[in-house]
Amino acid sequence: MSATPARPWLVLAGLALGVTVTNGFARFAYGLLLPAMRSEMGWNFAQAGWLNTANALGYIAGAVLTILLIRRVPPSRLFAFGLITTTLALLATGLNAALWWQTVWRILAGIFGAMSFSTAGALTAGLFRDDLRRNALAIAILFGSGGGLGIVLAGAALPLMLDAHGPGAWPLGWVAIGIVSAMFLPLGLWSAVQLRPPTQLQPAAIGLPLRRMLPEIVGYAGFGLGYIVYLTFLSAWMTEQAASAGFVALVWVILGLCICISPLVWRPILARHASGVPLALILASIAIGSALPVVLPNNAALLASAVVFGLSVFMAPGAITSFTRQNLPPESWGRAIGLFTVVFAVAQTLGPYGAGLVGDLFGNIGVSLVAAAGLLLVGAVFALLQKPL
């Protein structure tokens, strides 16, 4: 690894803006545009959910591709390439309404976004190598604040834009997201240039105690299945409840702000427990946030759900990283986190399409939000069974 850069916090800001593009925009802004796209194209819930499933399939391919390439290509180059191509994919999404076109670019946004998102963590880990507290804080800021910022920006702008110009303006939403992403490129690419770790050969494979890790693995699969339903269909459900554009924007801004500060809430719990307790608590909180607006269909409950969900949702990967670091030797961290990532990626491909089918079956997407909460609670129960290794 190269020496720590002279301005590590500025470098972190550039990496976090990369996560804003690949996570906040490429994966979650679709939920804000979905009601308008569904209205204009006459999609059912399954078709609408399919586009986020397509994005998740691309994410799997991108994660696997990154694992194959990282032996030969420095993480900084993969991060930069993924950031540029994700930006282009977001711009292209607004150019054609056909479902096949949307599918292609959602898949490509998943592939390229995963490439940049996967390497952002590795680059951030090199910022404060000799200061464990700052290192942990930097990683938490990367995932929490980076993704949260994207949701804040998209949530503040897109519902109001669609309300002013009508659902037919959804292509402008994608183009606007692409333009903002392009504005983030210079600092993101500069940050990548500051961190050029040498390509290293992988160490000899070390077996993982898979049987003893099974509760945590199943719990994380429950996270992948359940969390994405809320972020995909929340705006669609609020639209069905005749929520105003201003209130939709408020809910998403609060959601994004809570994601940004979530590392401060969960960091002490992650540090205190080497078991599955942190993941169980996080999953239970996400489940409560998912079900709350349906069980108590009023504005106060919606705002409370945004707070609870936002404070928890992006901390599940942090719980997995913390569990891995506290229970396994360093030479096993890469394999363990790679395994958890694949389990999560596969699970999240099933969530949006399955939720859409349930919504079509019952004629109410709120049923899917409650079903997702049930899956998250099942995951929490399994995670609670995880003992320290």
Protein backbone atom coordinates (compact mmCIF):
# COMPACT_ATOMS: atom_id res chain seq x y z
CA MET A 1 0.00 0.00 0.00
CA SER A 2 1.23 3.45 -0.82
CA ALA A 3 1.84 5.98 1.94
CA THR A 4 -1.14 7.65 3.57
CA PRO A 5 -2.14 10.66 1.40
CA ALA A 6 -1.52 14.17 2.68
CA ARG A 7 -5.24 15.04 2.74
CA PRO A 8 -6.94 11.77 3.75
CA TRP A 9 -10.29 13.33 4.67
CA LEU A 10 -10.55 15.01 1.26
CA VAL A 11 -9.68 11.70 -0.35
CA LEU A 12 -12.43 10.08 1.75
CA ALA A 13 -14.88 12.72 0.53
CA GLY A 14 -14.11 11.80 -3.08
CA LEU A 15 -14.53 8.08 -2.38
CA ALA A 16 -17.80 8.77 -0.55
CA LEU A 17 -19.10 10.73 -3.55
CA GLY A 18 -18.32 7.64 -5.61
CA VAL A 19 -20.57 5.63 -3.27
CA THR A 20 -23.21 8.36 -3.65
CA VAL A 21 -23.23 7.63 -7.39
CA THR A 22 -22.97 3.83 -7.30
CA ASN A 23 -25.20 3.24 -4.27
CA GLY A 24 -27.40 6.27 -3.56
CA PHE A 25 -28.17 7.04 -7.22
CA ALA A 26 -27.67 3.85 -9.25
CA ARG A 27 -29.41 1.51 -6.82
CA PHE A 28 -31.95 3.53 -4.85
CA ALA A 29 -33.05 6.57 -6.89
CA TYR A 30 -35.12 4.18 -9.02
CA GLY A 31 -37.59 3.86 -6.14
CA LEU A 32 -38.36 7.58 -6.45
CA LEU A 33 -38.87 7.44 -10.22
CA LEU A 34 -40.74 4.13 -10.20
CA PRO A 35 -44.29 5.55 -9.66
CA ALA A 36 -43.95 7.89 -12.65
CA MET A 37 -42.35 5.24 -14.87
CA ARG A 38 -44.99 2.69 -13.90
CA SER A 39 -47.77 5.18 -14.62
CA GLU A 40 -46.39 6.18 -18.02
CA MET A 41 -45.54 2.67 -19.24
CA GLY A 42 -48.47 0.82 -17.66
CA TRP A 43 -46.23 -1.64 -15.80
CA ASN A 44 -47.56 -3.93 -13.12
CA PHE A 45 -45.68 -4.25 -9.82
CA ALA A 46 -43.78 -7.33 -11.00
CA GLN A 47 -42.45 -5.51 -14.06
CA ALA A 48 -41.49 -2.53 -11.92
CA GLY A 49 -39.76 -4.79 -9.41
CA TRP A 50 -37.97 -6.61 -12.21
CA LEU A 51 -35.84 -3.56 -13.00
CA ASN A 52 -34.33 -3.56 -9.51
CA THR A 53 -33.90 -7.33 -9.75
CA ALA A 54 -32.05 -6.73 -13.04
CA ASN A 55 -29.84 -4.20 -11.27
CA ALA A 56 -29.14 -6.75 -8.52
CA LEU A 57 -28.24 -9.42 -11.11
CA GLY A 58 -25.76 -6.95 -12.59
CA TYR A 59 -24.39 -6.36 -9.08
CA ILE A 60 -23.67 -10.09 -8.71
CA ALA A 61 -21.84 -10.12 -12.05
CA GLY A 62 -19.90 -6.99 -11.12
CA ALA A 63 -18.88 -8.38 -7.73
CA VAL A 64 -17.62 -11.62 -9.28
CA LEU A 65 -15.85 -9.72 -12.07
CA THR A 66 -14.13 -7.52 -9.51
CA ILE A 67 -12.88 -10.56 -7.58
CA LEU A 68 -11.40 -11.93 -10.83
CA LEU A 69 -9.83 -8.64 -11.92
CA ILE A 70 -8.44 -7.40 -8.63
CA ARG A 71 -5.45 -9.75 -8.84
CA ARG A 72 -4.31 -7.97 -12.00
CA VAL A 73 -5.84 -4.50 -11.88
CA PRO A 74 -5.26 -2.02 -9.01
CA PRO A 75 -8.41 -1.20 -6.99
CA SER A 76 -7.95 2.50 -7.83
CA ARG A 77 -8.39 1.79 -11.55
CA LEU A 78 -11.43 -0.43 -10.97
CA PHE A 79 -12.99 2.26 -8.77
CA ALA A 80 -12.40 4.96 -11.40
CA PHE A 81 -13.62 2.82 -14.31
CA GLY A 82 -16.73 1.77 -12.39
CA LEU A 83 -17.52 5.36 -11.41
CA ILE A 84 -17.25 6.68 -14.98
CA THR A 85 -19.28 3.86 -16.54
CA THR A 86 -21.98 4.00 -13.84
CA THR A 87 -22.42 7.70 -14.59
CA LEU A 88 -22.83 6.94 -18.31
CA ALA A 89 -25.33 4.16 -17.52
CA LEU A 90 -27.45 6.57 -15.44
CA LEU A 91 -27.51 9.10 -18.28
CA ALA A 92 -28.44 6.42 -20.82
CA THR A 93 -31.36 5.18 -18.68
CA GLY A 94 -33.30 8.35 -19.51
CA LEU A 95 -32.96 8.00 -23.28
CA ASN A 96 -35.50 5.26 -24.04
CA ALA A 97 -38.65 4.07 -22.26
CA ALA A 98 -38.69 0.49 -23.60
CA LEU A 99 -38.49 -2.17 -20.89
CA TRP A 100 -35.65 -3.97 -22.68
CA TRP A 101 -33.61 -0.73 -22.79
CA GLN A 102 -34.30 -0.06 -19.12
CA THR A 103 -33.28 -3.64 -18.30
CA VAL A 104 -29.98 -3.36 -20.16
CA TRP A 105 -28.92 -0.17 -18.42
CA ARG A 106 -30.11 -1.27 -14.98
CA ILE A 107 -27.97 -4.41 -15.40
CA LEU A 108 -24.97 -2.39 -16.58
CA ALA A 109 -25.40 0.11 -13.74
CA GLY A 110 -25.31 -2.89 -11.37
CA ILE A 111 -22.15 -4.34 -12.95
CA PHE A 112 -20.22 -1.08 -13.04
CA GLY A 113 -21.57 0.15 -9.72
CA ALA A 114 -20.49 -3.04 -7.95
CA MET A 115 -17.02 -2.68 -9.42
CA SER A 116 -16.61 0.79 -7.96
CA PHE A 117 -18.50 0.11 -4.71
CA SER A 118 -16.54 -3.07 -3.96
CA THR A 119 -13.17 -1.36 -4.32
CA ALA A 120 -14.14 1.82 -2.43
CA GLY A 121 -13.92 -0.03 0.88
CA ALA A 122 -10.50 -1.45 0.10
CA LEU A 123 -9.21 2.00 -0.82
CA THR A 124 -10.70 3.58 2.30
CA ALA A 125 -9.11 0.93 4.51
CA GLY A 126 -5.70 2.31 3.51
CA LEU A 127 -6.37 5.87 4.66
CA PHE A 128 -5.64 5.45 8.39
CA ARG A 129 -3.71 2.19 8.62
CA ASP A 130 -2.10 3.07 11.97
CA ASP A 131 -5.22 4.49 13.64
CA LEU A 132 -7.90 1.86 14.14
CA ARG A 133 -10.52 4.30 15.44
CA ARG A 134 -10.15 6.65 12.48
CA ASN A 135 -10.03 3.69 10.13
CA ALA A 136 -13.35 2.38 11.44
CA LEU A 137 -14.86 5.86 11.31
CA ALA A 138 -13.70 6.37 7.71
CA ILE A 139 -15.28 3.10 6.57
CA ALA A 140 -18.52 3.93 8.38
CA ILE A 141 -18.62 7.38 6.78
CA LEU A 142 -17.92 5.91 3.35
CA PHE A 143 -20.91 3.56 3.36
CA GLY A 144 -23.30 5.52 5.57
CA SER A 145 -22.76 9.10 4.47
CA GLY A 146 -21.93 8.28 0.86
CA GLY A 147 -25.12 6.33 0.21
CA GLY A 148 -27.20 8.59 2.44
CA LEU A 149 -26.19 11.71 0.54
CA GLY A 150 -27.46 10.23 -2.71
CA ILE A 151 -30.84 9.49 -1.15
CA VAL A 152 -31.04 13.00 0.35
CA LEU A 153 -30.28 14.68 -3.00
CA ALA A 154 -32.57 12.45 -5.05
CA GLY A 155 -35.32 12.57 -2.45
CA ALA A 156 -35.25 16.35 -2.24
CA ALA A 157 -35.42 16.90 -6.00
CA LEU A 158 -37.14 14.09 -7.91
CA PRO A 159 -40.64 14.02 -6.31
CA LEU A 160 -40.98 17.80 -6.63
CA MET A 161 -39.74 17.74 -10.24
CA LEU A 162 -42.25 15.05 -11.19
CA ASP A 163 -45.04 16.92 -9.41
CA ALA A 164 -44.22 20.11 -11.32
CA HIS A 165 -43.77 18.55 -14.77
CA GLY A 166 -45.88 15.39 -14.58
CA PRO A 167 -44.94 11.68 -14.69
CA GLY A 168 -43.83 12.03 -18.31
CA ALA A 169 -40.76 13.93 -17.06
CA TRP A 170 -39.18 10.80 -15.55
CA PRO A 171 -36.45 10.65 -18.29
CA LEU A 172 -35.29 14.09 -17.17
CA GLY A 173 -34.88 12.64 -13.70
CA TRP A 174 -32.36 10.07 -14.93
CA VAL A 175 -30.54 12.66 -17.01
CA ALA A 176 -30.37 15.01 -14.02
CA ILE A 177 -28.98 12.21 -11.84
CA GLY A 178 -26.38 11.48 -14.52
CA ILE A 179 -25.36 15.14 -14.71
CA VAL A 180 -24.96 15.40 -10.93
CA SER A 181 -22.93 12.17 -11.00
CA ALA A 182 -20.68 13.70 -13.65
CA MET A 183 -20.15 16.69 -11.36
CA PHE A 184 -18.89 14.30 -8.66
CA LEU A 185 -16.44 12.60 -11.03
CA PRO A 186 -13.45 14.99 -10.70
CA LEU A 187 -13.06 14.62 -6.93
CA GLY A 188 -13.83 10.90 -7.06
CA LEU A 189 -11.22 10.26 -9.76
CA TRP A 190 -8.68 12.47 -7.98
CA SER A 191 -9.16 10.42 -4.80
CA ALA A 192 -8.55 7.20 -6.69
CA VAL A 193 -5.28 8.57 -8.06
CA GLN A 194 -4.09 9.36 -4.53
CA LEU A 195 -4.44 5.71 -3.53
CA ARG A 196 -2.51 3.33 -5.70
CA PRO A 197 -1.84 0.16 -3.72
CA PRO A 198 0.26 -2.39 -5.60
CA THR A 199 -1.48 -5.44 -6.96
CA GLN A 200 -0.86 -8.32 -4.56
CA LEU A 201 -1.13 -12.04 -5.01
CA GLN A 202 -3.84 -13.63 -2.94
CA PRO A 203 -2.59 -15.56 0.09
CA ALA A 204 -3.05 -19.28 0.32
CA ALA A 205 -6.69 -20.21 0.77
CA ILE A 206 -7.74 -20.76 4.36
CA GLY A 207 -10.92 -22.64 5.12
CA LEU A 208 -13.81 -20.83 6.77
CA PRO A 209 -15.82 -22.38 9.64
CA LEU A 210 -18.96 -22.29 7.52
CA ARG A 211 -21.09 -24.44 9.82
CA ARG A 212 -20.36 -22.23 12.80
CA MET A 213 -20.98 -19.10 10.69
CA LEU A 214 -24.30 -20.37 9.30
CA PRO A 215 -26.62 -18.26 11.53
CA GLU A 216 -24.86 -15.06 10.48
CA ILE A 217 -24.94 -16.12 6.82
CA VAL A 218 -28.67 -16.87 6.92
CA GLY A 219 -29.32 -13.63 8.76
CA TYR A 220 -27.50 -11.65 6.08
CA ALA A 221 -29.50 -13.44 3.39
CA GLY A 222 -32.64 -12.23 5.17
CA PHE A 223 -31.25 -8.70 4.96
CA GLY A 224 -30.74 -9.00 1.21
CA LEU A 225 -34.26 -10.34 0.69
CA GLY A 226 -36.03 -7.76 2.81
CA TYR A 227 -34.33 -4.37 2.82
CA ILE A 228 -34.57 -3.67 -0.90
CA VAL A 229 -38.38 -3.96 -0.94
CA TYR A 230 -38.81 -0.78 1.13
CA LEU A 231 -36.38 1.23 -0.98
CA THR A 232 -37.96 -0.02 -4.21
CA PHE A 233 -41.64 0.37 -3.42
CA LEU A 234 -41.94 2.99 -0.65
CA SER A 235 -42.72 5.83 -3.08
CA ALA A 236 -45.17 3.64 -5.00
CA TRP A 237 -47.00 2.81 -1.78
CA MET A 238 -47.05 6.47 -0.70
CA THR A 239 -48.42 7.45 -4.13
CA GLU A 240 -51.22 4.91 -3.69
CA GLN A 241 -52.00 6.56 -0.34
CA ALA A 242 -52.28 9.94 -2.13
CA ALA A 243 -49.25 11.41 -0.35
CA SER A 244 -48.21 14.81 -1.68
CA ALA A 245 -44.95 15.25 -3.58
CA GLY A 246 -43.65 17.49 -0.81
CA PHE A 247 -44.30 14.83 1.83
CA VAL A 248 -42.68 12.11 -0.31
CA ALA A 249 -39.62 14.35 -0.63
CA LEU A 250 -39.58 15.00 3.13
CA VAL A 251 -39.71 11.29 3.96
CA TRP A 252 -36.82 10.49 1.61
CA VAL A 253 -34.69 13.38 2.84
CA ILE A 254 -35.19 12.26 6.45
CA LEU A 255 -34.37 8.70 5.39
CA GLY A 256 -31.13 9.82 3.75
CA LEU A 257 -30.09 12.05 6.65
CA CYS A 258 -30.63 9.21 9.11
CA ILE A 259 -28.50 6.93 6.93
CA CYS A 260 -25.75 9.56 7.07
CA ILE A 261 -25.68 9.62 10.88
CA SER A 262 -26.32 5.89 11.40
CA PRO A 263 -22.60 5.07 11.91
CA LEU A 264 -22.60 7.20 15.06
CA VAL A 265 -25.57 5.27 16.47
CA TRP A 266 -24.33 1.73 15.83
CA ARG A 267 -20.55 2.02 16.22
CA PRO A 268 -20.53 1.30 20.00
CA ILE A 269 -22.76 -1.77 19.54
CA LEU A 270 -20.61 -3.13 16.71
CA ALA A 271 -17.48 -2.73 18.82
CA ARG A 272 -19.01 -4.37 21.91
CA HIS A 273 -20.29 -7.64 20.43
CA ALA A 274 -18.44 -10.37 18.52
CA SER A 275 -21.64 -12.41 18.15
CA GLY A 276 -24.66 -12.03 15.86
CA VAL A 277 -26.37 -9.60 18.25
CA PRO A 278 -25.56 -6.44 16.23
CA LEU A 279 -26.91 -7.91 13.00
CA ALA A 280 -30.02 -9.20 14.81
CA LEU A 281 -30.75 -5.76 16.29
CA ILE A 282 -30.18 -4.06 12.95
CA LEU A 283 -32.46 -6.48 11.09
CA ALA A 284 -35.20 -6.09 13.70
CA SER A 285 -34.98 -2.31 13.37
CA ILE A 286 -35.19 -2.49 9.55
CA ALA A 287 -38.23 -4.78 9.89
CA ILE A 288 -39.99 -2.31 12.17
CA GLY A 289 -39.23 0.52 9.75
CA SER A 290 -40.58 -1.52 6.82
CA ALA A 291 -43.87 -2.51 8.45
CA LEU A 292 -44.64 0.68 10.39
CA PRO A 293 -46.19 2.76 7.57
CA VAL A 294 -48.52 -0.10 6.61
CA VAL A 295 -49.53 -1.10 10.14
CA LEU A 296 -50.09 2.55 11.11
CA PRO A 297 -50.97 4.33 7.83
CA ASN A 298 -50.51 7.95 8.85
CA ASN A 299 -47.93 10.63 8.24
CA ALA A 300 -46.38 10.42 11.70
CA ALA A 301 -45.78 6.67 11.28
CA LEU A 302 -44.25 7.26 7.85
CA LEU A 303 -41.80 9.77 9.28
CA ALA A 304 -40.98 7.43 12.16
CA SER A 305 -40.43 4.57 9.73
CA ALA A 306 -37.99 6.70 7.69
CA VAL A 307 -36.02 7.44 10.86
CA VAL A 308 -35.91 3.83 12.11
CA PHE A 309 -35.17 2.36 8.68
CA GLY A 310 -32.58 5.00 7.82
CA LEU A 311 -30.71 4.62 11.09
CA SER A 312 -30.35 0.87 10.49
CA VAL A 313 -30.34 -0.16 6.84
CA PHE A 314 -26.75 0.63 5.82
CA MET A 315 -25.30 -0.75 9.04
CA ALA A 316 -25.92 -4.41 8.18
CA PRO A 317 -22.74 -4.55 6.03
CA GLY A 318 -20.93 -2.88 8.93
CA ALA A 319 -22.15 -5.61 11.28
CA ILE A 320 -20.84 -8.28 8.91
CA THR A 321 -17.47 -6.54 8.57
CA SER A 322 -17.20 -6.18 12.35
CA PHE A 323 -18.14 -9.84 12.92
CA THR A 324 -15.51 -10.93 10.41
CA ARG A 325 -12.76 -8.77 11.87
CA GLN A 326 -13.45 -9.88 15.44
CA ASN A 327 -13.78 -13.61 14.77
CA LEU A 328 -11.45 -14.54 11.91
CA PRO A 329 -7.72 -14.12 11.20
CA PRO A 330 -6.80 -11.29 8.78
CA GLU A 331 -5.90 -13.71 6.01
CA SER A 332 -9.52 -14.95 6.02
CA TRP A 333 -11.24 -11.56 5.95
CA GLY A 334 -11.30 -11.26 2.16
CA ARG A 335 -12.82 -14.70 1.64
CA ALA A 336 -15.38 -14.24 4.41
CA ILE A 337 -16.57 -10.82 3.26
CA GLY A 338 -16.64 -12.10 -0.33
CA LEU A 339 -18.87 -14.98 0.77
CA PHE A 340 -21.23 -12.68 2.66
CA THR A 341 -21.35 -10.34 -0.36
CA VAL A 342 -22.35 -13.14 -2.73
CA VAL A 343 -25.04 -14.39 -0.33
CA PHE A 344 -26.42 -10.87 0.01
CA ALA A 345 -26.26 -10.19 -3.74
CA VAL A 346 -28.12 -13.39 -4.63
CA ALA A 347 -30.79 -12.72 -1.98
CA GLN A 348 -31.45 -9.16 -3.10
CA THR A 349 -32.12 -10.29 -6.67
CA LEU A 350 -35.20 -12.14 -5.43
CA GLY A 351 -36.62 -9.36 -3.27
CA PRO A 352 -37.95 -6.73 -5.73
CA TYR A 353 -39.50 -9.11 -8.27
CA GLY A 354 -40.97 -11.34 -5.57
CA ALA A 355 -42.39 -8.30 -3.79
CA GLY A 356 -43.88 -7.10 -7.05
CA LEU A 357 -45.60 -10.45 -7.59
CA VAL A 358 -47.06 -10.32 -4.07
CA GLY A 359 -48.23 -6.75 -4.67
CA ASP A 360 -49.95 -7.78 -7.91
CA LEU A 361 -51.54 -10.82 -6.23
CA PHE A 362 -53.08 -8.77 -3.43
CA GLY A 363 -53.51 -5.56 -5.40
CA ASN A 364 -51.65 -3.72 -2.65
CA ILE A 365 -47.88 -3.20 -2.48
CA GLY A 366 -48.22 -2.56 1.25
CA VAL A 367 -48.62 -6.32 1.72
CA SER A 368 -45.13 -6.73 0.23
CA LEU A 369 -43.67 -4.27 2.75
CA VAL A 370 -45.12 -6.33 5.61
CA ALA A 371 -43.89 -9.59 4.01
CA ALA A 372 -40.40 -8.08 3.72
CA ALA A 373 -40.54 -7.18 7.41
CA GLY A 374 -41.36 -10.80 8.17
CA LEU A 375 -38.31 -12.02 6.23
CA LEU A 376 -36.11 -9.52 8.06
CA LEU A 377 -37.40 -10.76 11.43
CA VAL A 378 -36.64 -14.36 10.44
CA GLY A 379 -33.12 -13.23 9.56
CA ALA A 380 -32.86 -11.48 12.93
CA VAL A 381 -33.80 -14.67 14.78
CA PHE A 382 -31.10 -16.63 12.93
CA ALA A 383 -28.50 -13.91 13.55
CA LEU A 384 -29.34 -13.97 17.26
CA LEU A 385 -28.27 -17.63 17.32
CA GLN A 386 -24.76 -16.71 16.12
CA LYS A 387 -22.15 -17.20 18.82
CA PRO A 388 -18.64 -15.72 18.79
CA LEU A 389 -16.24 -18.00 16.93
